[in-house]
Protein backbone atom coordinates (compact mmCIF):
# COMPACT_ATOMS: atom_id res chain seq x y z
CA GLY A 1 0.00 0.00 0.00
CA LYS A 2 0.85 3.65 0.05
CA ALA A 3 2.67 5.34 2.90
CA THR A 4 -0.56 7.28 3.48
CA ASP A 5 -2.29 3.98 4.32
CA ILE A 6 0.14 3.00 7.06
CA PRO A 7 -1.22 3.39 10.60
CA LEU A 8 0.50 6.34 12.24
CA VAL A 9 0.50 8.12 15.60
CA PHE A 10 2.69 11.07 16.63
CA LEU A 11 3.95 11.24 20.21
CA VAL A 12 4.39 14.84 21.39
CA ASN A 13 5.10 16.64 24.65
CA GLU A 14 6.50 19.89 26.02
CA GLY A 15 9.89 18.94 24.59
CA SER A 16 8.51 18.84 21.03
CA ALA A 17 9.57 22.15 19.53
CA SER A 18 10.23 23.99 16.28
CA ALA A 19 10.60 21.62 13.31
CA SER A 20 8.89 18.74 15.10
CA GLU A 21 5.91 21.00 15.80
CA ILE A 22 5.74 22.07 12.16
CA VAL A 23 5.61 18.44 11.02
CA ALA A 24 3.16 17.44 13.77
CA GLY A 25 0.91 20.39 12.94
CA ALA A 26 0.83 19.46 9.24
CA ILE A 27 0.10 15.83 10.05
CA GLN A 28 -2.69 16.87 12.43
CA ASP A 29 -4.23 19.45 10.06
CA HIS A 30 -4.34 16.93 7.22
CA GLU A 31 -5.85 14.33 9.59
CA ARG A 32 -3.08 11.91 8.68
CA ALA A 33 -2.40 10.88 12.27
CA PRO A 34 -3.50 11.81 15.77
CA LEU A 35 -1.13 13.46 18.21
CA VAL A 36 -0.78 11.67 21.54
CA GLY A 37 0.84 13.12 24.65
CA MET A 38 1.01 16.65 26.02
CA THR A 39 0.94 20.18 24.60
CA THR A 40 4.05 20.98 22.57
CA PHE A 41 6.60 23.67 23.45
CA GLY A 42 5.37 26.44 21.14
CA LYS A 43 8.51 27.41 19.19
CA GLY A 44 7.21 28.68 15.89
CA SER A 45 9.37 31.69 15.10
CA VAL A 46 11.94 32.23 12.37
CA GLN A 47 14.91 34.30 13.47
CA ASN A 48 17.95 35.94 11.89
CA TRP A 49 21.19 36.95 13.57
CA ILE A 50 22.39 40.45 12.75
CA PRO A 51 26.04 41.00 13.68
CA LEU A 52 26.85 44.29 15.34
CA SER A 53 29.69 46.46 14.12
CA ASN A 54 33.19 46.06 15.54
CA GLU A 55 32.39 42.49 16.59
CA GLN A 56 30.42 43.72 19.60
CA GLY A 57 28.00 40.83 19.41
CA ALA A 58 24.81 40.20 17.50
CA VAL A 59 21.09 40.79 17.72
CA ARG A 60 18.55 38.06 17.08
CA VAL A 61 15.47 39.36 15.26
CA THR A 62 12.25 37.45 14.67
CA ILE A 63 11.38 37.81 10.99
CA ALA A 64 8.48 35.37 10.61
CA ARG A 65 6.25 32.89 12.42
CA TRP A 66 5.43 29.35 11.36
CA LEU A 67 1.78 28.45 10.90
CA THR A 68 0.24 25.06 10.28
CA PRO A 69 -1.42 24.40 6.90
CA ASP A 70 -4.75 25.43 8.50
CA HIS A 71 -3.10 28.71 9.62
CA ARG A 72 -2.93 27.78 13.30
CA GLN A 73 -0.25 29.64 15.21
CA ILE A 74 2.37 27.49 16.95
CA HIS A 75 4.54 30.14 18.61
CA GLU A 76 4.00 30.53 22.37
CA ILE A 77 0.87 28.35 22.11
CA GLY A 78 2.04 24.92 21.02
CA LEU A 79 -0.12 22.17 19.60
CA GLU A 80 -2.80 20.38 21.59
CA PRO A 81 -2.70 16.62 21.14
CA ASP A 82 -5.78 14.74 20.00
CA TYR A 83 -5.30 12.46 23.01
CA TYR A 84 -3.97 14.35 26.02
CA VAL A 85 -2.01 11.96 28.25
CA GLU A 86 0.21 13.18 31.08
CA ILE A 87 3.28 11.37 32.30
CA THR A 88 4.18 11.83 35.96
CA GLU A 89 7.30 11.48 38.05
CA GLU A 90 5.72 8.35 39.51
CA ASP A 91 5.36 6.94 35.99
CA TYR A 92 9.08 7.54 35.41
CA GLU A 93 9.98 5.95 38.73
CA ASN A 94 7.83 2.90 37.95
CA GLU A 95 9.15 2.76 34.38
CA VAL A 96 5.68 3.01 32.86
CA ASP A 97 4.79 5.18 29.89
CA PRO A 98 1.07 5.99 29.62
CA GLN A 99 1.71 8.11 26.51
CA LEU A 100 3.28 5.18 24.67
CA ASP A 101 0.54 2.88 25.96
CA LYS A 102 -2.12 5.22 24.54
CA ALA A 103 -0.27 5.49 21.23
CA ILE A 104 -0.20 1.69 20.94
CA GLU A 105 -3.90 1.54 21.81
CA VAL A 106 -4.70 4.07 19.06
CA LEU A 107 -2.55 2.18 16.54
CA LEU A 108 -4.33 -1.08 17.37
CA GLU A 109 -7.67 0.67 16.85
CA GLN A 110 -6.44 1.86 13.44
CA LEU A 111 -5.54 -1.73 12.61
CA GLY A 112 -8.98 -2.89 13.72
CA LYS A 113 -7.62 -5.05 16.54
């Protein structure tokens, strides 16, 4: 089959930023795959460095913002997952991953199992 027919889930959390948010937002907008996890970081700006004269440093200037294909803003907002699943310190201590468990559950549903 086509790659578009393959079951797919995206795991995201507060550490998902910038390019990963752009890809996740496009996947979500096109309803290709659900996002599972927690709200993403919200890094959707494009910046340029402008060097100062006499090598006194540089200034970083935001020149654009990334939007998803449906024109949703990412910057300082992040993306909301389709399935919001927190992971706690206790989960880490017990070596359990409820986000991964939910992603597997969703994949199995996509497979009809």
